[in-house]
Amino acid sequence: MDARGRIPVTLPRANPTTPFWQETPDPAVTDLQSTPDLPADIDIAIVGSGITGASIAWHLLKSSNKTIVMVEARQAASGATGRNGGHTKAASYRSFLDHAARLGTPAAVQIARLELDAIHSVHGLAADKKEPIACDSHPCQTVDVIYDAAQWEHAKRTVAAMRKAMPAGDPAAEYGLYERPEALAKFACADSADQKVQGVVEYVAGSVSAYRFTVGVLKQCLAQGLNLQTNTPVVSLKKDGAQWLVKTPRGTMRARDVVLATNAYTAFLMPELQGVVVPLRGQITMHRVGSKMPPALPTTYSFIYDRGYEYMITRPTGSQCAGDMVIGGGLKYADDAYRKSRESDVGLSEYGNTDDTTLNPRVSQYLREAPVRYFGRDRHWGQDHVDGRVRSEWTGIMGYTPDTYPLVGALPDQSKRGLWLCCAFQGHGMVYSWPCGRAAASMIEGRDDASLKEWFPACFRVGEERLKMQFGGTKPEAERAKL
């Protein structure tokens, strides 16, 4: 695994696979360069135009009149944000006991509340009465169909611990638990060929087009003065006195502050983070539903088995391709080695991989069979659509750290004063990116005070010890490969 972490991180590649979300790119911002030339001197440069960069810009522009330039290597929101499944799902119970053991119960509670608040923030902003964002925002319930007996027992134990740790009625601890007979009767799910449903966990989540949401936020930022420069990769950063030289093929800018909202690609600009922020390629397949499936399932899903899982959203009623299923995951089957040894690291061959121009054929094969496997051809799926089961398929690159937490904040090295990180969301960016961007904006503005510490976890902050971590892969129980 260490060898995968040492693979040199590249810039985002040209001609990536095309996600469903970007088949019709937004004409106003896709290739926007707000000014013909890059400004020579600015206050803040944000590198990256995904949901993280958009969150940072949005929060900064709410309380500041500083000159902000956002630079993007490819088209706007074309990285992981424009390639993920749009699942606004926390699954806090899956990691709560791990967080509590490592950080203490109060910190575990803080993380769970942040995750739930992030979901409400995204959908709340999309539904804002004054300036709504058309992004197929669909707050709903989600169900985790659990096939592994040990994980079902762990789920019940964790939910009990969360209820004990939080006051009665705390929304962050609200989960419904359904044993096998009730789960099969209440939800669309089925036993697979080699494993039986053990139980179902139900809780609050949602779905959204992350691409359209982020484009909408960028448009709001542009109206407030943001300068967006797409197709402008940053190739190097260099400190020059109190400022940073931000070098691109189109020229160099001088900025007081630089924020790397570059997620998996961060080590390209900061080689010292090689092995600290490690890319992982994920894959998604979009399916036309079978003849027995309803027009659109009311909930999102995850299907959890012994050493991995898949997640699924249904395109909501009234949206383009309504009812279609977007299914991501399959990392367990990315490697030939896994078939020979169940002890191999899940998705080993995809760590260190920044190639979103191709697909992994083993994952493709696995994901193409996923809906029939989990819904049952005779029970819920029926016959495939006359136009074929698979509508679209693509890959995207996520960023992981050795300790499974994001990196947010200033570099501790004073010689790098003015350089900020907001990256490495563990495949959990639809929940972590927005609040981490908000926190980064507060820090940049000098508002790193008690009110920020009250809701933002200390374990997410950049620190010297975290920057010395050695990458060894993700633990199965902490794996967040949701793209």
Protein backbone atom coordinates (compact mmCIF):
# COMPACT_ATOMS: atom_id res chain seq x y z
CA MET A 1 0.00 0.00 0.00
CA ASP A 2 2.88 2.38 0.71
CA ALA A 3 3.99 1.89 -2.89
CA ARG A 4 0.60 3.05 -4.16
CA GLY A 5 0.91 6.18 -2.04
CA ARG A 6 4.26 6.97 -3.66
CA ILE A 7 2.88 7.08 -7.22
CA PRO A 8 3.45 10.70 -8.33
CA VAL A 9 0.21 12.70 -8.32
CA THR A 10 -0.57 14.35 -11.65
CA LEU A 11 -2.63 17.29 -12.79
CA PRO A 12 -6.22 16.40 -13.79
CA ARG A 13 -6.04 14.61 -17.13
CA ALA A 14 -7.41 15.73 -20.46
CA ASN A 15 -10.42 13.99 -22.04
CA PRO A 16 -11.89 12.29 -18.95
CA THR A 17 -14.86 9.95 -19.10
CA THR A 18 -18.14 11.87 -19.41
CA PRO A 19 -20.49 11.65 -16.41
CA PHE A 20 -24.23 11.79 -16.96
CA TRP A 21 -24.28 15.09 -15.07
CA GLN A 22 -21.96 16.78 -17.59
CA GLU A 23 -23.41 15.41 -20.82
CA THR A 24 -25.02 18.85 -21.20
CA PRO A 25 -22.48 21.20 -19.57
CA ASP A 26 -23.62 24.59 -18.36
CA PRO A 27 -22.81 27.07 -21.16
CA ALA A 28 -22.41 30.05 -18.84
CA VAL A 29 -19.56 28.74 -16.68
CA THR A 30 -18.16 25.55 -18.22
CA ASP A 31 -15.26 27.23 -20.02
CA LEU A 32 -15.60 30.68 -18.46
CA GLN A 33 -12.60 32.96 -18.15
CA SER A 34 -14.03 36.02 -16.42
CA THR A 35 -11.25 38.24 -17.74
CA PRO A 36 -9.14 37.69 -20.89
CA ASP A 37 -5.95 37.88 -18.82
CA LEU A 38 -5.19 36.77 -15.29
CA PRO A 39 -5.09 39.63 -12.77
CA ALA A 40 -1.53 40.41 -11.73
CA ASP A 41 -2.19 41.02 -8.02
CA ILE A 42 -5.07 39.61 -5.98
CA ASP A 43 -6.00 38.94 -2.40
CA ILE A 44 -7.00 35.26 -2.59
CA ALA A 45 -6.46 32.51 -5.15
CA ILE A 46 -8.69 29.44 -4.83
CA VAL A 47 -7.35 26.45 -6.75
CA GLY A 48 -10.23 24.17 -7.70
CA SER A 49 -13.82 24.88 -8.77
CA GLY A 50 -15.62 21.95 -7.18
CA ILE A 51 -18.04 22.11 -4.28
CA THR A 52 -15.17 22.83 -1.86
CA GLY A 53 -13.83 25.81 -3.80
CA ALA A 54 -17.37 27.05 -4.37
CA SER A 55 -18.10 26.83 -0.64
CA ILE A 56 -14.94 28.76 0.24
CA ALA A 57 -15.73 31.50 -2.29
CA TRP A 58 -19.39 31.71 -1.29
CA HIS A 59 -18.61 32.10 2.40
CA LEU A 60 -15.77 34.58 1.80
CA LEU A 61 -17.89 36.75 -0.48
CA LYS A 62 -20.68 36.93 2.10
CA SER A 63 -18.48 38.97 4.44
CA SER A 64 -15.60 40.32 2.38
CA ASN A 65 -14.85 42.55 -0.58
CA LYS A 66 -11.45 41.02 -1.32
CA THR A 67 -10.41 40.19 -4.88
CA ILE A 68 -10.79 36.45 -5.35
CA VAL A 69 -9.71 34.47 -8.40
CA MET A 70 -10.69 30.80 -8.76
CA VAL A 71 -8.51 28.78 -11.14
CA GLU A 72 -9.51 25.38 -12.51
CA ALA A 73 -7.33 22.98 -14.52
CA ARG A 74 -10.20 21.72 -16.68
CA GLN A 75 -13.80 22.84 -17.07
CA ALA A 76 -15.76 24.21 -14.13
CA ALA A 77 -16.76 21.58 -11.54
CA SER A 78 -15.37 18.81 -13.74
CA GLY A 79 -13.47 16.96 -11.01
CA ALA A 80 -14.92 14.70 -8.31
CA THR A 81 -17.79 17.14 -7.69
CA GLY A 82 -19.05 16.80 -11.26
CA ARG A 83 -18.45 13.07 -11.30
CA ASN A 84 -19.88 11.76 -8.02
CA GLY A 85 -23.23 10.10 -7.48
CA GLY A 86 -24.85 13.06 -5.72
CA HIS A 87 -25.57 11.12 -2.55
CA THR A 88 -26.00 13.50 0.42
CA LYS A 89 -25.65 10.77 2.99
CA ALA A 90 -23.75 10.78 6.27
CA ALA A 91 -23.96 7.16 7.49
CA SER A 92 -22.61 8.50 10.79
CA TYR A 93 -23.49 5.31 12.66
CA ARG A 94 -20.97 3.43 10.49
CA SER A 95 -18.02 5.34 11.94
CA PHE A 96 -19.30 6.63 15.30
CA LEU A 97 -17.68 3.97 17.52
CA ASP A 98 -14.40 4.28 15.63
CA HIS A 99 -14.41 8.06 16.13
CA ALA A 100 -15.31 7.63 19.80
CA ALA A 101 -12.49 5.15 20.38
CA ARG A 102 -9.89 7.35 18.70
CA LEU A 103 -11.07 10.83 19.67
CA GLY A 104 -13.55 10.47 22.52
CA THR A 105 -17.34 10.44 22.51
CA PRO A 106 -17.82 14.27 22.44
CA ALA A 107 -15.75 14.47 19.24
CA ALA A 108 -17.70 11.58 17.70
CA VAL A 109 -20.95 13.41 18.49
CA GLN A 110 -19.56 16.62 16.98
CA ILE A 111 -18.69 14.84 13.72
CA ALA A 112 -22.12 13.20 13.50
CA ARG A 113 -23.86 16.54 13.98
CA LEU A 114 -21.62 18.24 11.40
CA GLU A 115 -22.47 15.54 8.87
CA LEU A 116 -26.21 15.90 9.37
CA ASP A 117 -26.03 19.71 9.35
CA ALA A 118 -24.11 19.57 6.06
CA ILE A 119 -26.93 17.63 4.40
CA HIS A 120 -29.49 20.18 5.56
CA SER A 121 -27.23 23.06 4.46
CA VAL A 122 -26.85 21.78 0.89
CA HIS A 123 -30.54 21.09 0.40
CA GLY A 124 -31.49 24.27 2.24
CA LEU A 125 -29.35 26.41 -0.04
CA ALA A 126 -30.74 24.66 -3.11
CA ALA A 127 -34.28 25.47 -1.93
CA ASP A 128 -33.56 29.06 -0.88
CA LYS A 129 -36.67 31.15 -1.59
CA LYS A 130 -34.78 34.19 -2.87
CA GLU A 131 -32.24 32.41 -5.05
CA PRO A 132 -32.99 28.69 -5.48
CA ILE A 133 -30.58 26.42 -7.34
CA ALA A 134 -32.07 24.01 -9.89
CA CYS A 135 -30.11 20.87 -9.10
CA ASP A 136 -32.67 18.07 -8.58
CA SER A 137 -32.38 18.52 -4.81
CA HIS A 138 -34.26 15.63 -3.21
CA PRO A 139 -34.13 15.39 0.62
CA CYS A 140 -35.39 11.96 1.59
CA GLN A 141 -34.80 8.92 3.75
CA THR A 142 -32.11 6.38 2.97
CA VAL A 143 -31.87 2.68 3.75
CA ASP A 144 -28.77 0.59 4.35
CA VAL A 145 -29.44 -3.02 3.43
CA ILE A 146 -26.94 -5.03 5.46
CA TYR A 147 -25.98 -8.54 4.35
CA ASP A 148 -23.16 -9.23 6.79
CA ALA A 149 -24.23 -10.52 10.23
CA ALA A 150 -21.31 -8.93 12.07
CA GLN A 151 -22.00 -5.52 10.53
CA TRP A 152 -25.68 -5.77 11.39
CA GLU A 153 -24.80 -6.38 15.04
CA HIS A 154 -22.32 -3.51 14.86
CA ALA A 155 -25.02 -1.22 13.44
CA LYS A 156 -27.41 -1.99 16.29
CA ARG A 157 -24.68 -1.55 18.89
CA THR A 158 -23.61 1.78 17.36
CA VAL A 159 -27.11 3.22 17.13
CA ALA A 160 -27.63 2.34 20.80
CA ALA A 161 -24.36 4.11 21.67
CA MET A 162 -25.36 7.21 19.70
CA ARG A 163 -28.73 7.39 21.42
CA LYS A 164 -27.01 7.11 24.78
CA ALA A 165 -24.43 9.80 23.92
CA MET A 166 -26.94 12.40 22.72
CA PRO A 167 -30.05 13.93 24.28
CA ALA A 168 -33.38 12.29 23.53
CA GLY A 169 -34.70 13.46 20.20
CA ASP A 170 -31.33 14.63 18.86
CA PRO A 171 -31.75 14.35 15.05
CA ALA A 172 -28.18 13.07 14.67
CA ALA A 173 -29.14 9.92 16.57
CA GLU A 174 -32.43 9.18 14.80
CA TYR A 175 -32.27 5.80 13.08
CA GLY A 176 -34.81 3.13 12.33
CA LEU A 177 -33.69 -0.48 12.72
CA TYR A 178 -35.52 -3.33 10.95
CA GLU A 179 -34.72 -7.00 11.46
CA ARG A 180 -34.78 -9.30 8.44
CA PRO A 181 -38.52 -10.20 8.26
CA GLU A 182 -39.70 -6.59 8.60
CA ALA A 183 -36.95 -5.31 6.31
CA LEU A 184 -37.93 -7.65 3.47
CA ALA A 185 -41.60 -6.72 3.89
CA LYS A 186 -41.09 -2.96 4.12
CA PHE A 187 -38.31 -2.22 1.60
CA ALA A 188 -37.44 -3.17 -1.97
CA CYS A 189 -34.51 -5.51 -1.38
CA ALA A 190 -33.70 -9.18 -1.82
CA ASP A 191 -31.26 -11.89 -0.81
CA SER A 192 -28.39 -12.18 -3.26
CA ALA A 193 -27.10 -15.48 -4.59
CA ASP A 194 -24.62 -16.00 -1.75
CA GLN A 195 -25.82 -13.81 1.13
CA LYS A 196 -29.04 -13.04 2.96
CA VAL A 197 -30.41 -9.72 4.17
CA GLN A 198 -29.70 -9.40 7.90
CA GLY A 199 -31.46 -6.09 8.52
CA VAL A 200 -31.99 -2.52 7.37
CA VAL A 201 -31.02 0.84 8.89
CA GLU A 202 -33.16 3.84 7.85
CA TYR A 203 -32.29 7.53 8.38
CA VAL A 204 -32.22 11.02 6.80
CA ALA A 205 -30.25 11.61 3.58
CA GLY A 206 -30.94 12.85 0.06
CA SER A 207 -29.70 13.20 -3.49
CA VAL A 208 -28.69 16.12 -5.69
CA SER A 209 -26.87 16.85 -8.92
CA ALA A 210 -23.62 18.00 -7.33
CA TYR A 211 -22.53 19.44 -10.68
CA ARG A 212 -25.62 21.62 -11.07
CA PHE A 213 -25.56 22.59 -7.38
CA THR A 214 -21.95 23.75 -7.63
CA VAL A 215 -22.53 25.57 -10.91
CA GLY A 216 -25.43 27.36 -9.22
CA VAL A 217 -23.24 28.39 -6.29
CA LEU A 218 -20.52 29.58 -8.69
CA LYS A 219 -23.05 31.76 -10.51
CA GLN A 220 -24.00 33.38 -7.21
CA CYS A 221 -20.31 33.96 -6.50
CA LEU A 222 -19.72 35.44 -9.95
CA ALA A 223 -22.52 37.91 -9.30
CA GLN A 224 -20.67 38.94 -6.12
CA GLY A 225 -17.39 39.56 -7.96
CA LEU A 226 -15.63 36.19 -8.19
CA ASN A 227 -13.20 35.92 -11.12
CA LEU A 228 -13.37 32.36 -12.51
CA GLN A 229 -10.59 31.10 -14.78
CA THR A 230 -11.26 27.63 -16.20
CA ASN A 231 -8.84 25.58 -18.33
CA THR A 232 -6.04 27.22 -16.37
CA PRO A 233 -3.99 24.65 -14.44
CA VAL A 234 -1.73 25.87 -11.67
CA VAL A 235 1.66 24.31 -12.35
CA SER A 236 3.61 25.67 -9.38
CA LEU A 237 3.45 27.79 -6.25
CA LYS A 238 6.35 29.84 -4.92
CA LYS A 239 6.61 32.15 -1.93
CA ASP A 240 7.83 35.66 -2.74
CA GLY A 241 8.06 37.77 0.36
CA ALA A 242 4.58 38.11 1.86
CA GLN A 243 2.89 36.87 -1.31
CA TRP A 244 2.57 33.70 -3.36
CA LEU A 245 3.40 33.40 -7.04
CA VAL A 246 0.66 31.29 -8.64
CA LYS A 247 2.09 30.10 -11.95
CA THR A 248 -0.12 28.91 -14.81
CA PRO A 249 0.44 28.46 -18.58
CA ARG A 250 -1.50 31.71 -19.06
CA GLY A 251 0.62 33.79 -16.71
CA THR A 252 1.49 34.24 -13.04
CA MET A 253 -0.59 35.90 -10.33
CA ARG A 254 0.59 37.30 -7.02
CA ALA A 255 -1.74 36.42 -4.14
CA ARG A 256 -1.62 37.07 -0.43
CA ASP A 257 -3.47 33.81 0.30
CA VAL A 258 -3.75 30.61 -1.73
CA VAL A 259 -6.31 27.91 -0.90
CA LEU A 260 -5.81 24.43 -2.33
CA ALA A 261 -9.32 23.05 -2.86
CA THR A 262 -7.72 20.36 -4.97
CA ASN A 263 -8.70 17.21 -3.06
CA ALA A 264 -6.94 14.18 -4.60
CA TYR A 265 -4.60 16.33 -6.72
CA THR A 266 -3.14 18.34 -3.83
CA ALA A 267 0.26 16.61 -3.77
CA PHE A 268 0.94 17.78 -7.33
CA LEU A 269 1.33 21.35 -6.02
CA MET A 270 2.69 20.26 -2.63
CA PRO A 271 5.03 17.29 -3.20
CA GLU A 272 5.59 17.05 0.54
CA LEU A 273 2.01 15.75 0.75
CA GLN A 274 2.80 12.78 -1.49
CA GLY A 275 1.50 9.81 0.49
CA VAL A 276 -0.42 12.11 2.86
CA VAL A 277 -3.23 12.91 0.41
CA VAL A 278 -3.59 9.80 -1.76
CA PRO A 279 -5.86 9.56 -4.83
CA LEU A 280 -8.34 6.73 -5.19
CA ARG A 281 -10.27 6.18 -8.40
CA GLY A 282 -13.96 5.39 -8.01
CA GLN A 283 -16.49 4.24 -10.58
CA ILE A 284 -20.21 4.78 -11.19
CA THR A 285 -22.78 3.18 -13.47
CA MET A 286 -26.21 4.58 -14.33
CA HIS A 287 -28.96 2.02 -14.96
CA ARG A 288 -32.36 2.09 -16.62
CA VAL A 289 -34.70 0.28 -14.25
CA GLY A 290 -36.26 -3.13 -14.77
CA SER A 291 -39.90 -3.78 -15.57
CA LYS A 292 -40.97 -4.54 -11.98
CA MET A 293 -39.36 -1.50 -10.37
CA PRO A 294 -41.53 1.53 -9.44
CA PRO A 295 -41.12 4.79 -11.43
CA ALA A 296 -38.82 6.17 -8.73
CA LEU A 297 -37.89 4.63 -5.37
CA PRO A 298 -38.72 6.98 -2.48
CA THR A 299 -35.38 6.46 -0.71
CA THR A 300 -31.71 6.17 -1.56
CA TYR A 301 -29.87 2.94 -0.76
CA SER A 302 -26.60 1.39 0.30
CA PHE A 303 -25.89 -2.34 0.12
CA ILE A 304 -23.38 -3.39 2.76
CA TYR A 305 -21.54 -6.71 2.72
CA ASP A 306 -18.49 -8.22 4.40
CA ARG A 307 -15.69 -5.93 3.15
CA GLY A 308 -17.36 -3.26 1.06
CA TYR A 309 -20.57 -1.73 -0.18
CA GLU A 310 -22.37 -0.07 -3.06
CA TYR A 311 -24.58 2.99 -2.87
CA MET A 312 -27.53 3.92 -5.06
CA ILE A 313 -29.70 6.93 -5.74
CA THR A 314 -32.80 7.01 -7.91
CA ARG A 315 -33.25 10.03 -10.16
CA PRO A 316 -36.26 11.83 -8.60
CA THR A 317 -39.67 12.27 -10.23
CA GLY A 318 -39.69 15.23 -12.62
CA SER A 319 -35.94 15.11 -13.31
CA GLN A 320 -34.17 14.07 -16.49
CA CYS A 321 -34.07 10.27 -16.71
CA ALA A 322 -36.39 10.04 -13.69
CA GLY A 323 -36.29 6.64 -12.04
CA ASP A 324 -32.85 5.71 -13.37
CA MET A 325 -30.48 4.30 -10.75
CA VAL A 326 -27.01 5.71 -10.17
CA ILE A 327 -24.88 3.02 -8.49
CA GLY A 328 -21.32 3.50 -7.28
CA GLY A 329 -18.79 1.32 -5.51
CA GLY A 330 -17.47 -2.10 -6.45
CA LEU A 331 -13.95 -1.38 -5.17
CA LYS A 332 -13.87 -4.76 -3.51
CA TYR A 333 -13.76 -6.30 -6.96
CA ALA A 334 -11.27 -3.89 -8.54
CA ASP A 335 -8.36 -6.29 -8.16
CA ASP A 336 -7.64 -9.77 -9.46
CA ALA A 337 -5.75 -10.31 -6.22
CA TYR A 338 -8.95 -10.10 -4.19
CA ARG A 339 -10.33 -13.20 -5.84
CA LYS A 340 -7.25 -15.07 -4.65
CA SER A 341 -6.99 -13.64 -1.13
CA ARG A 342 -9.77 -12.17 0.97
CA GLU A 343 -7.10 -10.47 3.06
CA SER A 344 -5.96 -8.13 0.26
CA ASP A 345 -6.56 -4.39 0.62
CA VAL A 346 -9.92 -3.37 -0.84
CA GLY A 347 -9.43 -1.62 -4.17
CA LEU A 348 -5.63 -1.72 -3.89
CA SER A 349 -5.03 -1.12 -7.59
CA GLU A 350 -7.13 2.06 -7.57
CA TYR A 351 -5.05 3.88 -4.92
CA GLY A 352 -2.64 6.36 -6.44
CA ASN A 353 -4.63 6.32 -9.68
CA THR A 354 -5.54 9.73 -11.17
CA ASP A 355 -6.71 8.36 -14.54
CA ASP A 356 -10.39 9.26 -14.90
CA THR A 357 -10.14 8.84 -18.67
CA THR A 358 -10.71 5.06 -18.46
CA LEU A 359 -12.80 2.45 -16.64
CA ASN A 360 -11.80 -0.58 -14.59
CA PRO A 361 -13.39 -3.50 -16.51
CA ARG A 362 -13.68 -5.66 -13.39
CA VAL A 363 -15.62 -2.94 -11.56
CA SER A 364 -17.73 -2.36 -14.69
CA GLN A 365 -18.75 -5.98 -14.80
CA TYR A 366 -19.58 -6.02 -11.10
CA LEU A 367 -21.61 -2.79 -11.12
CA ARG A 368 -23.54 -3.80 -14.24
CA GLU A 369 -24.94 -6.76 -12.31
CA ALA A 370 -25.57 -4.82 -9.08
CA PRO A 371 -29.27 -3.94 -9.45
CA VAL A 372 -30.36 -7.48 -10.26
CA ARG A 373 -28.19 -8.82 -7.43
CA TYR A 374 -29.68 -6.51 -4.81
CA PHE A 375 -33.31 -6.25 -5.95
CA GLY A 376 -33.76 -9.77 -7.29
CA ARG A 377 -34.85 -10.36 -10.89
CA ASP A 378 -38.01 -12.20 -9.90
CA ARG A 379 -38.70 -10.25 -6.71
CA HIS A 380 -38.33 -6.56 -7.66
CA TRP A 381 -36.32 -6.06 -10.87
CA GLY A 382 -38.06 -7.96 -13.66
CA GLN A 383 -36.84 -7.70 -17.24
CA ASP A 384 -34.22 -5.23 -18.36
CA HIS A 385 -35.26 -2.06 -20.17
CA VAL A 386 -35.71 -2.49 -23.92
CA ASP A 387 -32.91 0.04 -24.53
CA GLY A 388 -30.51 -1.88 -22.31
CA ARG A 389 -29.70 -1.76 -18.63
CA VAL A 390 -26.69 0.60 -18.61
CA ARG A 391 -27.17 4.19 -19.74
CA SER A 392 -23.83 5.69 -18.69
CA GLU A 393 -20.59 4.84 -16.89
CA TRP A 394 -17.67 6.96 -15.67
CA THR A 395 -14.83 7.32 -13.18
CA GLY A 396 -13.63 10.05 -10.83
CA ILE A 397 -10.79 10.64 -8.38
CA MET A 398 -11.21 10.92 -4.61
CA GLY A 399 -8.65 11.96 -1.97
CA TYR A 400 -7.77 9.99 1.17
CA THR A 401 -5.57 10.56 4.22
CA PRO A 402 -3.99 7.89 6.44
CA ASP A 403 -6.17 8.82 9.42
CA THR A 404 -9.40 9.09 7.32
CA TYR A 405 -10.07 12.76 8.15
CA PRO A 406 -10.01 15.83 5.85
CA LEU A 407 -7.17 18.36 5.94
CA VAL A 408 -8.41 21.91 6.58
CA GLY A 409 -6.41 24.94 7.63
CA ALA A 410 -3.09 26.74 7.37
CA LEU A 411 0.26 25.02 6.94
CA PRO A 412 2.09 25.00 10.29
CA ASP A 413 5.38 25.94 8.58
CA GLN A 414 5.65 29.73 8.94
CA SER A 415 7.65 29.91 5.72
CA LYS A 416 4.41 28.86 4.01
CA ARG A 417 2.25 31.48 5.70
CA GLY A 418 -0.77 32.27 3.55
CA LEU A 419 -1.06 28.75 2.08
CA TRP A 420 -4.23 26.89 3.09
CA LEU A 421 -5.54 23.36 2.58
CA CYS A 422 -9.14 22.23 2.21
CA CYS A 423 -8.99 18.74 0.78
CA ALA A 424 -9.00 14.94 1.27
CA PHE A 425 -12.66 14.15 1.88
CA GLN A 426 -12.38 10.35 1.96
CA GLY A 427 -14.99 9.86 -0.78
CA HIS A 428 -17.39 11.68 1.53
CA GLY A 429 -17.27 15.06 -0.17
CA MET A 430 -21.03 15.58 -0.49
CA VAL A 431 -21.12 15.80 3.29
CA TYR A 432 -17.67 17.16 4.20
CA SER A 433 -16.92 19.69 1.43
CA TRP A 434 -19.50 22.37 2.21
CA PRO A 435 -18.81 22.72 5.96
CA CYS A 436 -15.04 22.38 5.45
CA GLY A 437 -15.20 25.23 2.93
CA ARG A 438 -17.11 27.31 5.45
CA ALA A 439 -14.48 26.58 8.11
CA ALA A 440 -11.61 27.40 5.75
CA ALA A 441 -13.21 30.75 4.90
CA SER A 442 -13.51 31.60 8.60
CA MET A 443 -9.85 30.73 9.18
CA ILE A 444 -8.67 32.82 6.21
CA GLU A 445 -10.63 35.79 7.53
CA GLY A 446 -9.06 35.43 10.98
CA ARG A 447 -12.23 34.19 12.64
CA ASP A 448 -10.77 30.98 14.06
CA ASP A 449 -12.57 31.52 17.33
CA ALA A 450 -14.63 29.67 19.91
CA SER A 451 -17.73 29.65 17.72
CA LEU A 452 -15.81 27.79 14.97
CA LYS A 453 -14.31 25.32 17.43
CA GLU A 454 -17.80 24.62 18.75
CA TRP A 455 -18.93 22.93 15.53
CA PHE A 456 -15.76 22.18 13.53
CA PRO A 457 -13.84 19.04 14.59
CA ALA A 458 -10.25 19.50 15.70
CA CYS A 459 -9.30 16.24 13.98
CA PHE A 460 -10.02 17.85 10.59
CA ARG A 461 -7.44 20.58 11.12
CA VAL A 462 -4.00 20.59 9.50
CA GLY A 463 -1.24 19.82 12.00
CA GLU A 464 2.42 18.86 11.96
CA GLU A 465 1.82 15.29 13.08
CA ARG A 466 -0.89 14.74 10.50
CA LEU A 467 1.43 15.91 7.73
CA LYS A 468 3.90 13.17 8.74
CA MET A 469 1.38 10.34 8.47
CA GLN A 470 2.19 7.20 6.50
CA PHE A 471 -0.48 5.84 4.19
CA GLY A 472 -1.57 2.26 4.74
CA GLY A 473 -5.01 2.14 3.15
CA THR A 474 -8.46 2.51 4.71
CA LYS A 475 -9.97 0.24 7.29
CA PRO A 476 -13.09 -1.53 6.00
CA GLU A 477 -15.29 -0.06 8.73
CA ALA A 478 -14.11 3.47 7.94
CA GLU A 479 -14.16 3.14 4.17
CA ARG A 480 -16.12 5.99 2.57
CA ALA A 481 -15.76 5.21 -1.14
CA LYS A 482 -18.90 7.05 -2.27
CA LEU A 483 -17.32 9.26 -4.96
